[in-house]
C-alpha atoms as a PDB file:
ATOM      1  CA  MET A   1     146.824  99.203 126.277  1.00  0.00           C
ATOM      2  CA  HIS A   2     149.199  97.220 128.430  1.00  0.00           C
ATOM      3  CA  ILE A   3     152.910  96.485 127.787  1.00  0.00           C
ATOM      4  CA  SER A   4     153.873  92.965 128.522  1.00  0.00           C
ATOM      5  CA  ASP A   5     156.779  91.541 130.532  1.00  0.00           C
ATOM      6  CA  GLY A   6     159.995  90.961 128.651  1.00  0.00           C
ATOM      7  CA  ILE A   7     159.808  93.821 126.213  1.00  0.00           C
ATOM      8  CA  LEU A   8     161.238  96.858 127.916  1.00  0.00           C
ATOM      9  CA  SER A   9     164.803  97.300 129.125  1.00  0.00           C
ATOM     10  CA  ALA A  10     165.672  97.380 132.808  1.00  0.00           C
ATOM     11  CA  PRO A  11     166.427 101.047 132.936  1.00  0.00           C
ATOM     12  CA  VAL A  12     163.045 101.851 131.420  1.00  0.00           C
ATOM     13  CA  LEU A  13     161.256  99.547 133.820  1.00  0.00           C
ATOM     14  CA  ALA A  14     163.067 101.171 136.763  1.00  0.00           C
ATOM     15  CA  ALA A  15     162.248 104.585 135.511  1.00  0.00           C
ATOM     16  CA  GLY A  16     158.592 103.531 135.330  1.00  0.00           C
ATOM     17  CA  PHE A  17     158.451 102.413 138.941  1.00  0.00           C
ATOM     18  CA  VAL A  18     160.318 105.545 140.118  1.00  0.00           C
ATOM     19  CA  GLY A  19     157.914 107.851 138.108  1.00  0.00           C
ATOM     20  CA  THR A  20     154.870 105.926 139.293  1.00  0.00           C
ATOM     21  CA  ALA A  21     156.028 106.070 142.982  1.00  0.00           C
ATOM     22  CA  ALA A  22     156.615 109.861 142.795  1.00  0.00           C
ATOM     23  CA  LEU A  23     153.239 110.581 141.129  1.00  0.00           C
ATOM     24  CA  ALA A  24     151.416 108.224 143.475  1.00  0.00           C
ATOM     25  CA  TYR A  25     152.951 110.097 146.472  1.00  0.00           C
ATOM     26  CA  LEU A  26     151.967 113.470 145.107  1.00  0.00           C
ATOM     27  CA  THR A  27     148.399 112.551 144.063  1.00  0.00           C
ATOM     28  CA  MET A  28     147.574 110.685 147.284  1.00  0.00           C
ATOM     29  CA  ARG A  29     148.750 113.304 149.665  1.00  0.00           C
ATOM     30  CA  ASN A  30     146.022 114.617 152.024  1.00  0.00           C
ATOM     31  CA  MET A  31     143.454 112.229 150.585  1.00  0.00           C
ATOM     32  CA  ASP A  32     140.016 112.700 152.228  1.00  0.00           C
ATOM     33  CA  MET A  33     138.608 109.392 153.304  1.00  0.00           C
ATOM     34  CA  ASP A  34     135.204 110.554 152.110  1.00  0.00           C
ATOM     35  CA  ASP A  35     136.576 110.310 148.558  1.00  0.00           C
ATOM     36  CA  VAL A  36     137.463 106.646 148.943  1.00  0.00           C
ATOM     37  CA  PRO A  37     133.972 105.321 147.843  1.00  0.00           C
ATOM     38  CA  LYS A  38     133.968 107.495 144.733  1.00  0.00           C
ATOM     39  CA  ILE A  39     137.516 106.511 143.925  1.00  0.00           C
ATOM     40  CA  SER A  40     136.581 102.872 144.418  1.00  0.00           C
ATOM     41  CA  VAL A  41     133.572 103.041 141.989  1.00  0.00           C
ATOM     42  CA  ILE A  42     135.520 104.752 139.237  1.00  0.00           C
ATOM     43  CA  THR A  43     138.416 102.343 139.686  1.00  0.00           C
ATOM     44  CA  ALA A  44     135.914  99.493 139.142  1.00  0.00           C
ATOM     45  CA  VAL A  45     134.554 101.188 136.051  1.00  0.00           C
ATOM     46  CA  PHE A  46     138.187 101.490 134.670  1.00  0.00           C
ATOM     47  CA  PHE A  47     138.844  97.888 135.612  1.00  0.00           C
ATOM     48  CA  ILE A  48     135.834  96.439 133.900  1.00  0.00           C
ATOM     49  CA  ALA A  49     135.988  98.616 130.779  1.00  0.00           C
ATOM     50  CA  SER A  50     139.225  97.091 129.726  1.00  0.00           C
ATOM     51  CA  LEU A  51     137.883  93.699 130.102  1.00  0.00           C
ATOM     52  CA  ILE A  52     135.201  94.113 127.446  1.00  0.00           C
ATOM     53  CA  HIS A  53     136.882  93.469 124.059  1.00  0.00           C
ATOM     54  CA  VAL A  54     135.092  94.283 120.832  1.00  0.00           C
ATOM     55  CA  PRO A  55     136.352  92.065 117.985  1.00  0.00           C
ATOM     56  CA  ILE A  56     137.357  94.035 114.798  1.00  0.00           C
ATOM     57  CA  GLY A  57     138.752  91.766 112.017  1.00  0.00           C
ATOM     58  CA  PRO A  58     141.644  89.670 113.277  1.00  0.00           C
ATOM     59  CA  SER A  59     142.142  91.937 116.360  1.00  0.00           C
ATOM     60  CA  SER A  60     139.949  93.565 119.012  1.00  0.00           C
ATOM     61  CA  ILE A  61     139.708  96.864 120.854  1.00  0.00           C
ATOM     62  CA  HIS A  62     138.509  97.867 124.219  1.00  0.00           C
ATOM     63  CA  LEU A  63     137.766 101.106 125.964  1.00  0.00           C
ATOM     64  CA  ILE A  64     140.445 102.606 128.202  1.00  0.00           C
ATOM     65  CA  LEU A  65     138.462 105.393 129.907  1.00  0.00           C
ATOM     66  CA  ASN A  66     141.434 106.955 131.642  1.00  0.00           C
ATOM     67  CA  GLY A  67     140.225 110.321 130.336  1.00  0.00           C
ATOM     68  CA  LEU A  68     136.947 109.781 132.052  1.00  0.00           C
ATOM     69  CA  VAL A  69     138.775 108.796 135.212  1.00  0.00           C
ATOM     70  CA  GLY A  70     140.657 112.012 135.147  1.00  0.00           C
ATOM     71  CA  VAL A  71     137.562 114.076 134.533  1.00  0.00           C
ATOM     72  CA  VAL A  72     135.727 112.574 137.473  1.00  0.00           C
ATOM     73  CA  LEU A  73     138.578 112.099 139.979  1.00  0.00           C
ATOM     74  CA  GLY A  74     141.037 114.840 139.101  1.00  0.00           C
ATOM     75  CA  TRP A  75     144.504 114.239 140.708  1.00  0.00           C
ATOM     76  CA  ARG A  76     143.123 111.164 142.443  1.00  0.00           C
ATOM     77  CA  ALA A  77     142.806 109.532 139.060  1.00  0.00           C
ATOM     78  CA  PHE A  78     146.455 108.365 139.180  1.00  0.00           C
ATOM     79  CA  PRO A  79     146.163 106.139 142.358  1.00  0.00           C
ATOM     80  CA  ALA A  80     142.795 104.850 141.034  1.00  0.00           C
ATOM     81  CA  ILE A  81     144.437 103.707 137.818  1.00  0.00           C
ATOM     82  CA  MET A  82     147.432 102.357 139.674  1.00  0.00           C
ATOM     83  CA  LEU A  83     145.082 100.125 141.810  1.00  0.00           C
ATOM     84  CA  GLY A  84     143.171  99.061 138.633  1.00  0.00           C
ATOM     85  CA  ILE A  85     146.356  98.035 136.845  1.00  0.00           C
ATOM     86  CA  ILE A  86     147.669  96.121 139.878  1.00  0.00           C
ATOM     87  CA  LEU A  87     144.434  94.166 140.027  1.00  0.00           C
ATOM     88  CA  GLN A  88     144.386  93.540 136.333  1.00  0.00           C
ATOM     89  CA  THR A  89     147.888  92.208 136.552  1.00  0.00           C
ATOM     90  CA  ILE A  90     147.344  89.952 139.537  1.00  0.00           C
ATOM     91  CA  LEU A  91     143.927  88.648 138.652  1.00  0.00           C
ATOM     92  CA  PHE A  92     144.137  88.395 134.830  1.00  0.00           C
ATOM     93  CA  GLY A  93     147.719  88.625 133.948  1.00  0.00           C
ATOM     94  CA  HIS A  94     147.268  91.815 131.876  1.00  0.00           C
ATOM     95  CA  GLY A  95     150.733  93.332 131.149  1.00  0.00           C
ATOM     96  CA  GLY A  96     153.052  91.929 133.787  1.00  0.00           C
ATOM     97  CA  VAL A  97     154.476  92.588 137.208  1.00  0.00           C
ATOM     98  CA  THR A  98     157.704  94.122 135.943  1.00  0.00           C
ATOM     99  CA  VAL A  99     155.811  96.637 133.862  1.00  0.00           C
ATOM    100  CA  ILE A 100     153.209  97.813 136.431  1.00  0.00           C
ATOM    101  CA  GLY A 101     155.239 101.001 136.830  1.00  0.00           C
ATOM    102  CA  VAL A 102     155.490 101.820 133.149  1.00  0.00           C
ATOM    103  CA  ASN A 103     151.758 100.807 132.531  1.00  0.00           C
ATOM    104  CA  THR A 104     150.642 102.951 135.513  1.00  0.00           C
ATOM    105  CA  LEU A 105     152.709 105.874 134.260  1.00  0.00           C
ATOM    106  CA  MET A 106     151.338 105.515 130.756  1.00  0.00           C
ATOM    107  CA  LEU A 107     147.612 105.287 131.649  1.00  0.00           C
ATOM    108  CA  GLY A 108     147.659 107.265 134.896  1.00  0.00           C
ATOM    109  CA  GLY A 109     149.697 110.008 133.234  1.00  0.00           C
ATOM    110  CA  GLY A 110     147.149 110.200 130.463  1.00  0.00           C
ATOM    111  CA  ALA A 111     144.444 110.650 133.084  1.00  0.00           C
ATOM    112  CA  LEU A 112     146.359 113.530 134.719  1.00  0.00           C
ATOM    113  CA  ILE A 113     146.755 115.294 131.371  1.00  0.00           C
ATOM    114  CA  ALA A 114     143.021 114.726 130.784  1.00  0.00           C
ATOM    115  CA  TYR A 115     142.197 116.481 133.986  1.00  0.00           C
ATOM    116  CA  ILE A 116     144.397 119.483 133.037  1.00  0.00           C
ATOM    117  CA  VAL A 117     142.541 119.675 129.673  1.00  0.00           C
ATOM    118  CA  TRP A 118     139.192 119.300 131.513  1.00  0.00           C
ATOM    119  CA  GLN A 119     139.952 122.268 133.763  1.00  0.00           C
ATOM    120  CA  GLN A 120     140.519 124.582 130.866  1.00  0.00           C
ATOM    121  CA  ARG A 121     136.777 124.722 130.452  1.00  0.00           C
ATOM    122  CA  HIS A 122     136.653 127.394 133.122  1.00  0.00           C
ATOM    123  CA  ARG A 123     138.407 129.788 130.729  1.00  0.00           C
ATOM    124  CA  PHE A 124     135.394 129.798 128.424  1.00  0.00           C
ATOM    125  CA  SER A 125     131.731 130.528 128.613  1.00  0.00           C
ATOM    126  CA  PHE A 126     130.079 129.096 125.491  1.00  0.00           C
ATOM    127  CA  LYS A 127     127.209 126.626 125.557  1.00  0.00           C
ATOM    128  CA  ASN A 128     128.007 122.884 126.072  1.00  0.00           C
ATOM    129  CA  LYS A 129     131.604 123.710 126.911  1.00  0.00           C
ATOM    130  CA  ASP A 130     131.721 120.954 129.546  1.00  0.00           C
ATOM    131  CA  ILE A 131     130.735 118.263 127.035  1.00  0.00           C
ATOM    132  CA  LEU A 132     133.269 119.589 124.448  1.00  0.00           C
ATOM    133  CA  PHE A 133     136.107 119.627 126.981  1.00  0.00           C
ATOM    134  CA  GLY A 134     135.011 116.266 128.359  1.00  0.00           C
ATOM    135  CA  GLY A 135     135.413 114.809 124.856  1.00  0.00           C
ATOM    136  CA  LEU A 136     138.704 116.553 124.404  1.00  0.00           C
ATOM    137  CA  ALA A 137     139.939 115.272 127.728  1.00  0.00           C
ATOM    138  CA  GLY A 138     138.974 111.709 126.707  1.00  0.00           C
ATOM    139  CA  GLY A 139     140.791 111.956 123.377  1.00  0.00           C
ATOM    140  CA  VAL A 140     143.895 113.642 124.755  1.00  0.00           C
ATOM    141  CA  ALA A 141     144.208 111.008 127.587  1.00  0.00           C
ATOM    142  CA  THR A 142     144.371 108.282 124.953  1.00  0.00           C
ATOM    143  CA  ILE A 143     146.792 109.857 122.624  1.00  0.00           C
ATOM    144  CA  SER A 144     148.933 110.974 125.555  1.00  0.00           C
ATOM    145  CA  SER A 145     149.080 107.419 126.833  1.00  0.00           C
ATOM    146  CA  GLY A 146     150.000 106.341 123.280  1.00  0.00           C
ATOM    147  CA  ILE A 147     152.950 108.813 123.203  1.00  0.00           C
ATOM    148  CA  ILE A 148     154.183 107.594 126.506  1.00  0.00           C
ATOM    149  CA  LEU A 149     153.982 103.981 125.170  1.00  0.00           C
ATOM    150  CA  ALA A 150     155.949 104.932 122.074  1.00  0.00           C
ATOM    151  CA  ILE A 151     158.579 106.759 124.188  1.00  0.00           C
ATOM    152  CA  ALA A 152     158.962 103.656 126.318  1.00  0.00           C
ATOM    153  CA  LEU A 153     159.535 101.501 123.276  1.00  0.00           C
ATOM    154  CA  LEU A 154     161.854 103.965 121.648  1.00  0.00           C
ATOM    155  CA  THR A 155     164.029 104.267 124.758  1.00  0.00           C
ATOM    156  CA  THR A 156     164.348 100.479 124.939  1.00  0.00           C
ATOM    157  CA  GLY A 157     166.042 100.102 121.650  1.00  0.00           C
ATOM    158  CA  GLU A 158     166.164 101.048 117.883  1.00  0.00           C
ATOM    159  CA  GLU A 159     164.539  97.732 117.009  1.00  0.00           C
ATOM    160  CA  PHE A 160     161.233  99.114 118.434  1.00  0.00           C
ATOM    161  CA  VAL A 161     161.113 102.259 116.239  1.00  0.00           C
ATOM    162  CA  VAL A 162     158.695 100.678 113.779  1.00  0.00           C
ATOM    163  CA  THR A 163     156.667  99.182 116.532  1.00  0.00           C
ATOM    164  CA  ALA A 164     156.428 102.421 118.435  1.00  0.00           C
ATOM    165  CA  GLY A 165     155.108 104.125 115.242  1.00  0.00           C
ATOM    166  CA  LEU A 166     152.547 101.471 114.654  1.00  0.00           C
ATOM    167  CA  ALA A 167     151.388 101.547 118.244  1.00  0.00           C
ATOM    168  CA  LEU A 168     150.990 105.320 118.177  1.00  0.00           C
ATOM    169  CA  GLY A 169     149.072 105.232 114.944  1.00  0.00           C
ATOM    170  CA  ALA A 170     146.756 102.446 116.324  1.00  0.00           C
ATOM    171  CA  HIS A 171     145.661 104.753 119.063  1.00  0.00           C
ATOM    172  CA  VAL A 172     144.185 107.382 116.646  1.00  0.00           C
ATOM    173  CA  PRO A 173     140.789 105.556 116.149  1.00  0.00           C
ATOM    174  CA  VAL A 174     140.742 104.626 119.857  1.00  0.00           C
ATOM    175  CA  MET A 175     141.312 108.285 120.687  1.00  0.00           C
ATOM    176  CA  ILE A 176     138.253 109.293 118.623  1.00  0.00           C
ATOM    177  CA  LEU A 177     136.080 106.611 120.255  1.00  0.00           C
ATOM    178  CA  GLU A 178     137.212 107.601 123.697  1.00  0.00           C
ATOM    179  CA  ALA A 179     136.490 111.272 122.989  1.00  0.00           C
ATOM    180  CA  ILE A 180     132.932 110.371 121.939  1.00  0.00           C
ATOM    181  CA  VAL A 181     132.247 108.068 124.916  1.00  0.00           C
ATOM    182  CA  THR A 182     133.779 110.542 127.513  1.00  0.00           C
ATOM    183  CA  GLY A 183     131.773 113.320 125.982  1.00  0.00           C
ATOM    184  CA  PHE A 184     128.532 111.384 126.291  1.00  0.00           C
ATOM    185  CA  CYS A 185     129.429 110.353 129.931  1.00  0.00           C
ATOM    186  CA  VAL A 186     130.059 113.959 130.859  1.00  0.00           C
ATOM    187  CA  ALA A 187     126.707 114.994 129.271  1.00  0.00           C
ATOM    188  CA  PHE A 188     124.951 112.262 131.330  1.00  0.00           C
ATOM    189  CA  ILE A 189     126.708 113.151 134.631  1.00  0.00           C
ATOM    190  CA  LEU A 190     125.905 116.839 134.165  1.00  0.00           C
ATOM    191  CA  LYS A 191     122.177 115.900 134.056  1.00  0.00           C
ATOM    192  CA  ALA A 192     122.298 113.288 136.845  1.00  0.00           C
ATOM    193  CA  LYS A 193     124.891 114.516 139.367  1.00  0.00           C
ATOM    194  CA  PRO A 194     127.019 117.291 138.189  1.00  0.00           C
ATOM    195  CA  ASP A 195     128.994 117.703 141.437  1.00  0.00           C
ATOM    196  CA  LEU A 196     130.469 114.216 140.642  1.00  0.00           C
ATOM    197  CA  LEU A 197     132.784 115.779 138.068  1.00  0.00           C
ATOM    198  CA  ALA A 198     136.232 117.030 139.199  1.00  0.00           C
ATOM    199  CA  GLY A 199     136.610 120.727 139.734  1.00  0.00           C
ATOM    200  CA  GLN A 200     132.966 121.407 139.106  1.00  0.00           C
ATOM    201  CA  ILE A 201     131.671 124.700 140.308  1.00  0.00           C
ATOM    202  CA  VAL A 202     128.175 124.106 141.514  1.00  0.00           C
ATOM    203  CA  GLN A 203     125.928 127.079 141.002  1.00  0.00           C
ATOM    204  CA  LYS A 204     124.082 127.790 144.291  1.00  0.00           C
ATOM    205  CA  ARG A 205     120.613 129.149 144.129  1.00  0.00           C
ATOM    206  CA  THR A 206     120.181 132.650 145.643  1.00  0.00           C
ATOM    207  CA  THR A 207     117.067 134.168 146.921  1.00  0.00           C
ATOM    208  CA  SER A 208     116.619 137.914 146.354  1.00  0.00           C
ATOM    209  CA  PRO A 209     115.474 140.000 149.328  1.00  0.00           C
ATOM    210  CA  VAL A 210     112.218 140.744 147.447  1.00  0.00           C
ATOM    211  CA  ASN A 211     111.460 137.050 146.930  1.00  0.00           C
ATOM    212  CA  ALA A 212     112.495 136.310 150.449  1.00  0.00           C
ATOM    213  CA  THR A 213     110.040 138.781 151.812  1.00  0.00           C
ATOM    214  CA  ALA A 214     107.267 137.435 149.506  1.00  0.00           C
ATOM    215  CA  ASP A 215     108.074 133.917 150.565  1.00  0.00           C
ATOM    216  CA  SER A 216     107.805 134.815 154.271  1.00  0.00           C
END
């Protein structure tokens, strides 16, 4: 999901850079250096996932995983995706230099929305809510990015109205796939290392005074 050079108008490109700069500033403030290794690993996962294309008929699809990035990194998902997109542009020519701002706003914005959806799990108390909201976050991230993509095309010119509709519709099956993959990833992380997830409230074991006396 990358827009290429030469498609969008200059005002849309400029708005993309301004929006990306503003969100990068807000989401990178007070960053703890201890979070850098975690951000680096998740950035690498996002970077590699988009390079693995699965052929389907005359076209192909690939995972985006910006929802998973949001579920794991929270607000830090935006700078992580920004770095991934810059590297993809420089190393592999995905998208283009002039659309780095719009592409980051599209995928990073989807990740931030995914994090907001993910945090809603704290409002509920049913079983497997984390997996369900993880899946929802993955799906919402994809369709949100598709909507931003469609808006970018629509604001460029009326000739892109049909293209915007087709692009948005093409994201529906990807949204379902992303929801399933993100849900499975959340289930795995919950078993392996639950505190890796953003906003996770780790339940601390408490020892009752009776048990403490017995143990002593």
